[in-house]
PDB file of N, CA and C in Angstrom:
ATOM      1  N   MET A   1     -69.037 127.096 -18.801  1.00  0.00           N
ATOM      2  CA  MET A   1     -69.254 127.949 -19.963  1.00  0.00           C
ATOM      3  C   MET A   1     -67.902 128.458 -20.457  1.00  0.00           C
ATOM      4  N   PRO A   2     -67.556 128.290 -21.721  1.00  0.00           N
ATOM      5  CA  PRO A   2     -66.287 128.783 -22.248  1.00  0.00           C
ATOM      6  C   PRO A   2     -66.223 130.303 -22.180  1.00  0.00           C
ATOM      7  N   GLU A   3     -65.002 130.831 -22.064  1.00  0.00           N
ATOM      8  CA  GLU A   3     -64.846 132.273 -21.947  1.00  0.00           C
ATOM      9  C   GLU A   3     -65.365 133.018 -23.160  1.00  0.00           C
ATOM     10  N   ASP A   4     -65.289 132.411 -24.363  1.00  0.00           N
ATOM     11  CA  ASP A   4     -65.781 133.106 -25.549  1.00  0.00           C
ATOM     12  C   ASP A   4     -67.305 133.121 -25.605  1.00  0.00           C
ATOM     13  N   ALA A   5     -67.953 132.391 -24.692  1.00  0.00           N
ATOM     14  CA  ALA A   5     -69.408 132.376 -24.646  1.00  0.00           C
ATOM     15  C   ALA A   5     -69.965 133.316 -23.581  1.00  0.00           C
ATOM     16  N   VAL A   6     -69.117 134.192 -23.043  1.00  0.00           N
ATOM     17  CA  VAL A   6     -69.568 135.160 -22.049  1.00  0.00           C
ATOM     18  C   VAL A   6     -70.649 136.025 -22.683  1.00  0.00           C
ATOM     19  N   PRO A   7     -71.753 136.264 -21.973  1.00  0.00           N
ATOM     20  CA  PRO A   7     -72.866 136.996 -22.575  1.00  0.00           C
ATOM     21  C   PRO A   7     -72.608 138.483 -22.768  1.00  0.00           C
ATOM     22  N   ALA A   8     -71.405 138.853 -23.211  1.00  0.00           N
ATOM     23  CA  ALA A   8     -71.085 140.261 -23.432  1.00  0.00           C
ATOM     24  C   ALA A   8     -71.647 140.771 -24.753  1.00  0.00           C
ATOM     25  N   ALA A   9     -71.997 139.880 -25.651  1.00  0.00           N
ATOM     26  CA  ALA A   9     -72.465 140.282 -26.964  1.00  0.00           C
ATOM     27  C   ALA A   9     -73.891 140.821 -26.935  1.00  0.00           C
ATOM     28  N   CYS A  10     -74.604 140.640 -25.828  1.00  0.00           N
ATOM     29  CA  CYS A  10     -76.001 141.059 -25.780  1.00  0.00           C
ATOM     30  C   CYS A  10     -76.155 142.570 -25.675  1.00  0.00           C
ATOM     31  N   GLY A  11     -75.085 143.305 -25.348  1.00  0.00           N
ATOM     32  CA  GLY A  11     -75.168 144.759 -25.307  1.00  0.00           C
ATOM     33  C   GLY A  11     -75.294 145.315 -23.905  1.00  0.00           C
ATOM     34  N   TRP A  12     -76.244 144.828 -23.120  1.00  0.00           N
ATOM     35  CA  TRP A  12     -76.469 145.338 -21.766  1.00  0.00           C
ATOM     36  C   TRP A  12     -76.502 144.174 -20.791  1.00  0.00           C
ATOM     37  N   ALA A  13     -76.087 144.449 -19.560  1.00  0.00           N
ATOM     38  CA  ALA A  13     -76.104 143.419 -18.517  1.00  0.00           C
ATOM     39  C   ALA A  13     -76.519 144.062 -17.200  1.00  0.00           C
ATOM     40  N   ASP A  14     -77.173 143.276 -16.364  1.00  0.00           N
ATOM     41  CA  ASP A  14     -77.576 143.762 -15.045  1.00  0.00           C
ATOM     42  C   ASP A  14     -76.472 143.484 -14.046  1.00  0.00           C
ATOM     43  N   CYS A  15     -76.227 144.458 -13.172  1.00  0.00           N
ATOM     44  CA  CYS A  15     -75.244 144.286 -12.103  1.00  0.00           C
ATOM     45  C   CYS A  15     -75.827 143.326 -11.076  1.00  0.00           C
ATOM     46  N   HIS A  16     -75.050 142.330 -10.692  1.00  0.00           N
ATOM     47  CA  HIS A  16     -75.492 141.323  -9.729  1.00  0.00           C
ATOM     48  C   HIS A  16     -75.644 141.922  -8.326  1.00  0.00           C
ATOM     49  N   CYS A  17     -75.027 143.077  -8.084  1.00  0.00           N
ATOM     50  CA  CYS A  17     -75.060 143.713  -6.767  1.00  0.00           C
ATOM     51  C   CYS A  17     -76.190 144.744  -6.670  1.00  0.00           C
ATOM     52  N   CYS A  18     -76.169 145.752  -7.544  1.00  0.00           N
ATOM     53  CA  CYS A  18     -77.147 146.851  -7.438  1.00  0.00           C
ATOM     54  C   CYS A  18     -78.369 146.660  -8.330  1.00  0.00           C
ATOM     55  N   GLY A  19     -78.274 145.779  -9.346  1.00  0.00           N
ATOM     56  CA  GLY A  19     -79.407 145.504 -10.211  1.00  0.00           C
ATOM     57  C   GLY A  19     -79.576 146.452 -11.388  1.00  0.00           C
ATOM     58  N   ARG A  20     -78.750 147.481 -11.486  1.00  0.00           N
ATOM     59  CA  ARG A  20     -78.858 148.415 -12.606  1.00  0.00           C
ATOM     60  C   ARG A  20     -78.283 147.800 -13.871  1.00  0.00           C
ATOM     61  N   SER A  21     -78.731 148.289 -15.021  1.00  0.00           N
ATOM     62  CA  SER A  21     -78.235 147.804 -16.316  1.00  0.00           C
ATOM     63  C   SER A  21     -77.143 148.723 -16.831  1.00  0.00           C
ATOM     64  N   TYR A  22     -76.066 148.100 -17.331  1.00  0.00           N
ATOM     65  CA  TYR A  22     -74.925 148.829 -17.883  1.00  0.00           C
ATOM     66  C   TYR A  22     -74.488 148.129 -19.169  1.00  0.00           C
ATOM     67  N   PRO A  23     -73.710 148.834 -20.011  1.00  0.00           N
ATOM     68  CA  PRO A  23     -73.152 148.156 -21.186  1.00  0.00           C
ATOM     69  C   PRO A  23     -72.336 146.938 -20.734  1.00  0.00           C
ATOM     70  N   ALA A  24     -72.550 145.824 -21.370  1.00  0.00           N
ATOM     71  CA  ALA A  24     -71.916 144.566 -20.957  1.00  0.00           C
ATOM     72  C   ALA A  24     -70.398 144.628 -21.017  1.00  0.00           C
ATOM     73  N   VAL A  25     -69.845 145.397 -21.924  1.00  0.00           N
ATOM     74  CA  VAL A  25     -68.384 145.475 -22.034  1.00  0.00           C
ATOM     75  C   VAL A  25     -67.764 146.201 -20.849  1.00  0.00           C
ATOM     76  N   ASN A  26     -68.556 146.957 -20.087  1.00  0.00           N
ATOM     77  CA  ASN A  26     -68.048 147.702 -18.930  1.00  0.00           C
ATOM     78  C   ASN A  26     -68.231 146.954 -17.614  1.00  0.00           C
ATOM     79  N   MET A  27     -68.699 145.735 -17.671  1.00  0.00           N
ATOM     80  CA  MET A  27     -68.961 144.973 -16.453  1.00  0.00           C
ATOM     81  C   MET A  27     -67.754 144.113 -16.078  1.00  0.00           C
ATOM     82  N   VAL A  28     -67.584 143.892 -14.785  1.00  0.00           N
ATOM     83  CA  VAL A  28     -66.543 143.006 -14.273  1.00  0.00           C
ATOM     84  C   VAL A  28     -67.198 141.649 -14.036  1.00  0.00           C
ATOM     85  N   ARG A  29     -66.591 140.614 -14.607  1.00  0.00           N
ATOM     86  CA  ARG A  29     -67.164 139.270 -14.486  1.00  0.00           C
ATOM     87  C   ARG A  29     -66.246 138.379 -13.675  1.00  0.00           C
ATOM     88  N   PHE A  30     -66.839 137.432 -12.984  1.00  0.00           N
ATOM     89  CA  PHE A  30     -66.092 136.460 -12.197  1.00  0.00           C
ATOM     90  C   PHE A  30     -65.653 135.323 -13.107  1.00  0.00           C
ATOM     91  N   HIS A  31     -64.428 134.871 -12.915  1.00  0.00           N
ATOM     92  CA  HIS A  31     -63.893 133.808 -13.762  1.00  0.00           C
ATOM     93  C   HIS A  31     -64.727 132.534 -13.634  1.00  0.00           C
ATOM     94  N   ALA A  32     -65.076 132.162 -12.421  1.00  0.00           N
ATOM     95  CA  ALA A  32     -65.818 130.918 -12.205  1.00  0.00           C
ATOM     96  C   ALA A  32     -67.321 131.071 -12.440  1.00  0.00           C
ATOM     97  N   HIS A  33     -67.811 132.320 -12.470  1.00  0.00           N
ATOM     98  CA  HIS A  33     -69.243 132.591 -12.669  1.00  0.00           C
ATOM     99  C   HIS A  33     -69.414 133.705 -13.700  1.00  0.00           C
ATOM    100  N   PRO A  34     -69.168 133.441 -14.983  1.00  0.00           N
ATOM    101  CA  PRO A  34     -69.220 134.506 -15.984  1.00  0.00           C
ATOM    102  C   PRO A  34     -70.610 135.105 -16.187  1.00  0.00           C
ATOM    103  N   ASP A  35     -71.647 134.430 -15.733  1.00  0.00           N
ATOM    104  CA  ASP A  35     -72.987 135.001 -15.865  1.00  0.00           C
ATOM    105  C   ASP A  35     -73.239 136.098 -14.836  1.00  0.00           C
ATOM    106  N   ASP A  36     -72.473 136.093 -13.744  1.00  0.00           N
ATOM    107  CA  ASP A  36     -72.604 137.129 -12.720  1.00  0.00           C
ATOM    108  C   ASP A  36     -71.654 138.267 -13.052  1.00  0.00           C
ATOM    109  N   ALA A  37     -72.175 139.481 -13.069  1.00  0.00           N
ATOM    110  CA  ALA A  37     -71.361 140.640 -13.416  1.00  0.00           C
ATOM    111  C   ALA A  37     -71.605 141.757 -12.412  1.00  0.00           C
ATOM    112  N   LEU A  38     -70.578 142.570 -12.196  1.00  0.00           N
ATOM    113  CA  LEU A  38     -70.680 143.733 -11.315  1.00  0.00           C
ATOM    114  C   LEU A  38     -70.300 144.982 -12.094  1.00  0.00           C
ATOM    115  N   CYS A  39     -70.970 146.082 -11.785  1.00  0.00           N
ATOM    116  CA  CYS A  39     -70.615 147.365 -12.386  1.00  0.00           C
ATOM    117  C   CYS A  39     -69.376 147.902 -11.664  1.00  0.00           C
ATOM    118  N   VAL A  40     -68.692 148.850 -12.283  1.00  0.00           N
ATOM    119  CA  VAL A  40     -67.464 149.374 -11.686  1.00  0.00           C
ATOM    120  C   VAL A  40     -67.732 150.106 -10.380  1.00  0.00           C
ATOM    121  N   THR A  41     -68.906 150.687 -10.213  1.00  0.00           N
ATOM    122  CA  THR A  41     -69.249 151.357  -8.967  1.00  0.00           C
ATOM    123  C   THR A  41     -69.315 150.358  -7.817  1.00  0.00           C
ATOM    124  N   CYS A  42     -69.938 149.220  -8.030  1.00  0.00           N
ATOM    125  CA  CYS A  42     -70.030 148.188  -6.996  1.00  0.00           C
ATOM    126  C   CYS A  42     -68.668 147.552  -6.724  1.00  0.00           C
ATOM    127  N   VAL A  43     -67.844 147.399  -7.773  1.00  0.00           N
ATOM    128  CA  VAL A  43     -66.503 146.856  -7.578  1.00  0.00           C
ATOM    129  C   VAL A  43     -65.680 147.806  -6.713  1.00  0.00           C
ATOM    130  N   ALA A  44     -65.772 149.106  -6.965  1.00  0.00           N
ATOM    131  CA  ALA A  44     -65.048 150.082  -6.157  1.00  0.00           C
ATOM    132  C   ALA A  44     -65.545 150.063  -4.714  1.00  0.00           C
ATOM    133  N   TRP A  45     -66.848 149.946  -4.524  1.00  0.00           N
ATOM    134  CA  TRP A  45     -67.412 149.875  -3.177  1.00  0.00           C
ATOM    135  C   TRP A  45     -66.904 148.632  -2.448  1.00  0.00           C
ATOM    136  N   LEU A  46     -66.896 147.487  -3.130  1.00  0.00           N
ATOM    137  CA  LEU A  46     -66.400 146.259  -2.523  1.00  0.00           C
ATOM    138  C   LEU A  46     -64.916 146.353  -2.188  1.00  0.00           C
ATOM    139  N   SER A  47     -64.163 147.018  -3.040  1.00  0.00           N
ATOM    140  CA  SER A  47     -62.736 147.197  -2.781  1.00  0.00           C
ATOM    141  C   SER A  47     -62.517 148.000  -1.500  1.00  0.00           C
ATOM    142  N   GLU A  48     -63.270 149.075  -1.342  1.00  0.00           N
ATOM    143  CA  GLU A  48     -63.159 149.890  -0.124  1.00  0.00           C
ATOM    144  C   GLU A  48     -63.563 149.096   1.110  1.00  0.00           C
ATOM    145  N   ARG A  49     -64.629 148.313   1.003  1.00  0.00           N
ATOM    146  CA  ARG A  49     -65.099 147.511   2.138  1.00  0.00           C
ATOM    147  C   ARG A  49     -64.109 146.414   2.506  1.00  0.00           C
ATOM    148  N   SER A  50     -63.395 145.875   1.524  1.00  0.00           N
ATOM    149  CA  SER A  50     -62.481 144.763   1.796  1.00  0.00           C
ATOM    150  C   SER A  50     -61.118 145.226   2.301  1.00  0.00           C
ATOM    151  N   ARG A  51     -60.763 146.490   2.100  1.00  0.00           N
ATOM    152  CA  ARG A  51     -59.433 146.978   2.475  1.00  0.00           C
ATOM    153  C   ARG A  51     -59.082 146.707   3.936  1.00  0.00           C
ATOM    154  N   PRO A  52     -59.947 146.988   4.932  1.00  0.00           N
ATOM    155  CA  PRO A  52     -59.576 146.691   6.329  1.00  0.00           C
ATOM    156  C   PRO A  52     -59.357 145.193   6.576  1.00  0.00           C
ATOM    157  N   ILE A  53     -60.126 144.350   5.899  1.00  0.00           N
ATOM    158  CA  ILE A  53     -59.976 142.904   6.067  1.00  0.00           C
ATOM    159  C   ILE A  53     -58.644 142.449   5.487  1.00  0.00           C
ATOM    160  N   VAL A  54     -58.311 142.938   4.305  1.00  0.00           N
ATOM    161  CA  VAL A  54     -57.050 142.577   3.667  1.00  0.00           C
ATOM    162  C   VAL A  54     -55.880 143.028   4.532  1.00  0.00           C
ATOM    163  N   ARG A  55     -55.949 144.223   5.072  1.00  0.00           N
ATOM    164  CA  ARG A  55     -54.859 144.723   5.923  1.00  0.00           C
ATOM    165  C   ARG A  55     -54.707 143.888   7.188  1.00  0.00           C
ATOM    166  N   ARG A  56     -55.814 143.414   7.722  1.00  0.00           N
ATOM    167  CA  ARG A  56     -55.754 142.598   8.931  1.00  0.00           C
ATOM    168  C   ARG A  56     -55.193 141.209   8.623  1.00  0.00           C
ATOM    169  N   LEU A  57     -55.582 140.636   7.488  1.00  0.00           N
ATOM    170  CA  LEU A  57     -55.155 139.284   7.145  1.00  0.00           C
ATOM    171  C   LEU A  57     -53.738 139.211   6.584  1.00  0.00           C
ATOM    172  N   TYR A  58     -53.307 140.270   5.905  1.00  0.00           N
ATOM    173  CA  TYR A  58     -51.985 140.288   5.281  1.00  0.00           C
ATOM    174  C   TYR A  58     -51.170 141.431   5.869  1.00  0.00           C
ATOM    175  N   PRO A  59     -50.392 141.163   6.932  1.00  0.00           N
ATOM    176  CA  PRO A  59     -49.699 142.223   7.663  1.00  0.00           C
ATOM    177  C   PRO A  59     -48.735 143.054   6.835  1.00  0.00           C
ATOM    178  N   VAL A  60     -48.281 142.568   5.675  1.00  0.00           N
ATOM    179  CA  VAL A  60     -47.368 143.372   4.867  1.00  0.00           C
ATOM    180  C   VAL A  60     -48.012 144.711   4.506  1.00  0.00           C
ATOM    181  N   TRP A  61     -49.333 144.753   4.421  1.00  0.00           N
ATOM    182  CA  TRP A  61     -50.023 145.999   4.080  1.00  0.00           C
ATOM    183  C   TRP A  61     -49.983 146.997   5.223  1.00  0.00           C
ATOM    184  N   GLN A  62     -49.552 146.563   6.402  1.00  0.00           N
ATOM    185  CA  GLN A  62     -49.416 147.486   7.522  1.00  0.00           C
ATOM    186  C   GLN A  62     -48.089 148.232   7.474  1.00  0.00           C
ATOM    187  N   LEU A  63     -47.177 147.785   6.615  1.00  0.00           N
ATOM    188  CA  LEU A  63     -45.900 148.459   6.465  1.00  0.00           C
ATOM    189  C   LEU A  63     -46.089 149.761   5.691  1.00  0.00           C
ATOM    190  N   PRO A  64     -45.205 150.741   5.918  1.00  0.00           N
ATOM    191  CA  PRO A  64     -45.284 151.977   5.122  1.00  0.00           C
ATOM    192  C   PRO A  64     -45.112 151.683   3.636  1.00  0.00           C
ATOM    193  N   ALA A  65     -45.676 152.515   2.800  1.00  0.00           N
ATOM    194  CA  ALA A  65     -45.660 152.299   1.345  1.00  0.00           C
ATOM    195  C   ALA A  65     -44.245 152.181   0.802  1.00  0.00           C
ATOM    196  N   ARG A  66     -43.296 152.975   1.299  1.00  0.00           N
ATOM    197  CA  ARG A  66     -41.932 152.921   0.775  1.00  0.00           C
ATOM    198  C   ARG A  66     -41.257 151.596   1.104  1.00  0.00           C
ATOM    199  N   VAL A  67     -41.596 151.003   2.260  1.00  0.00           N
ATOM    200  CA  VAL A  67     -41.046 149.705   2.629  1.00  0.00           C
ATOM    201  C   VAL A  67     -41.653 148.618   1.756  1.00  0.00           C
ATOM    202  N   ARG A  68     -42.981 148.691   1.523  1.00  0.00           N
ATOM    203  CA  ARG A  68     -43.632 147.715   0.649  1.00  0.00           C
ATOM    204  C   ARG A  68     -43.031 147.764  -0.737  1.00  0.00           C
ATOM    205  N   ALA A  69     -42.769 148.980  -1.254  1.00  0.00           N
ATOM    206  CA  ALA A  69     -42.206 149.131  -2.594  1.00  0.00           C
ATOM    207  C   ALA A  69     -40.811 148.524  -2.662  1.00  0.00           C
ATOM    208  N   ALA A  70     -40.004 148.723  -1.640  1.00  0.00           N
ATOM    209  CA  ALA A  70     -38.655 148.160  -1.622  1.00  0.00           C
ATOM    210  C   ALA A  70     -38.709 146.637  -1.583  1.00  0.00           C
ATOM    211  N   ARG A  71     -39.632 146.081  -0.815  1.00  0.00           N
ATOM    212  CA  ARG A  71     -39.766 144.622  -0.745  1.00  0.00           C
ATOM    213  C   ARG A  71     -40.206 144.058  -2.091  1.00  0.00           C
ATOM    214  N   THR A  72     -41.081 144.760  -2.785  1.00  0.00           N
ATOM    215  CA  THR A  72     -41.570 144.319  -4.079  1.00  0.00           C
ATOM    216  C   THR A  72     -40.457 144.371  -5.122  1.00  0.00           C
ATOM    217  N   ARG A  73     -39.654 145.423  -5.101  1.00  0.00           N
ATOM    218  CA  ARG A  73     -38.566 145.564  -6.079  1.00  0.00           C
ATOM    219  C   ARG A  73     -37.549 144.435  -5.941  1.00  0.00           C
ATOM    220  N   ARG A  74     -37.301 143.977  -4.710  1.00  0.00           N
ATOM    221  CA  ARG A  74     -36.351 142.892  -4.497  1.00  0.00           C
ATOM    222  C   ARG A  74     -36.834 141.580  -5.099  1.00  0.00           C
ATOM    223  N   CYS A  75     -38.128 141.405  -5.211  1.00  0.00           N
ATOM    224  CA  CYS A  75     -38.694 140.149  -5.707  1.00  0.00           C
ATOM    225  C   CYS A  75     -38.744 140.085  -7.225  1.00  0.00           C
ATOM    226  N   ILE A  76     -38.593 141.204  -7.893  1.00  0.00           N
ATOM    227  CA  ILE A  76     -38.699 141.233  -9.349  1.00  0.00           C
ATOM    228  C   ILE A  76     -37.354 140.841  -9.967  1.00  0.00           C
ATOM    229  N   PRO A  77     -37.319 139.778 -10.779  1.00  0.00           N
ATOM    230  CA  PRO A  77     -36.062 139.379 -11.401  1.00  0.00           C
ATOM    231  C   PRO A  77     -35.642 140.395 -12.460  1.00  0.00           C
ATOM    232  N   THR A  78     -34.346 140.566 -12.593  1.00  0.00           N
ATOM    233  CA  THR A  78     -33.838 141.482 -13.610  1.00  0.00           C
ATOM    234  C   THR A  78     -33.121 140.689 -14.681  1.00  0.00           C
ATOM    235  N   ASP A  79     -33.051 141.236 -15.877  1.00  0.00           N
ATOM    236  CA  ASP A  79     -32.386 140.568 -16.995  1.00  0.00           C
ATOM    237  C   ASP A  79     -30.910 140.929 -17.056  1.00  0.00           C
ATOM    238  N   GLN A  80     -30.466 141.874 -16.222  1.00  0.00           N
ATOM    239  CA  GLN A  80     -29.077 142.306 -16.237  1.00  0.00           C
ATOM    240  C   GLN A  80     -28.224 141.361 -15.405  1.00  0.00           C
ATOM    241  N   PRO A  81     -27.053 141.013 -15.895  1.00  0.00           N
ATOM    242  CA  PRO A  81     -26.163 140.141 -15.115  1.00  0.00           C
ATOM    243  C   PRO A  81     -25.643 140.878 -13.888  1.00  0.00           C
ATOM    244  N   ALA A  82     -25.431 140.143 -12.804  1.00  0.00           N
ATOM    245  CA  ALA A  82     -24.964 140.741 -11.553  1.00  0.00           C
ATOM    246  C   ALA A  82     -23.470 140.892 -11.537  1.00  0.00           C
TER     247      ALA A  82
END
């Protein structure tokens, strides 16, 4: 299904997780499954549930926030000559 054919024009959509109806423009859709949508409440719940798994699988998240920020800054290219 093309992205411009996403059923957002219908006005309301049911959350694939909780089943409640919300305005379609406020739903989070999956790229590969645009007919499936989640409300922001379910997305936030899934984010909280996935955090321990992400931390276990990606050890960089076990580093302190200031160390993660420093590592991220080093990876960003700058436009200024050295």
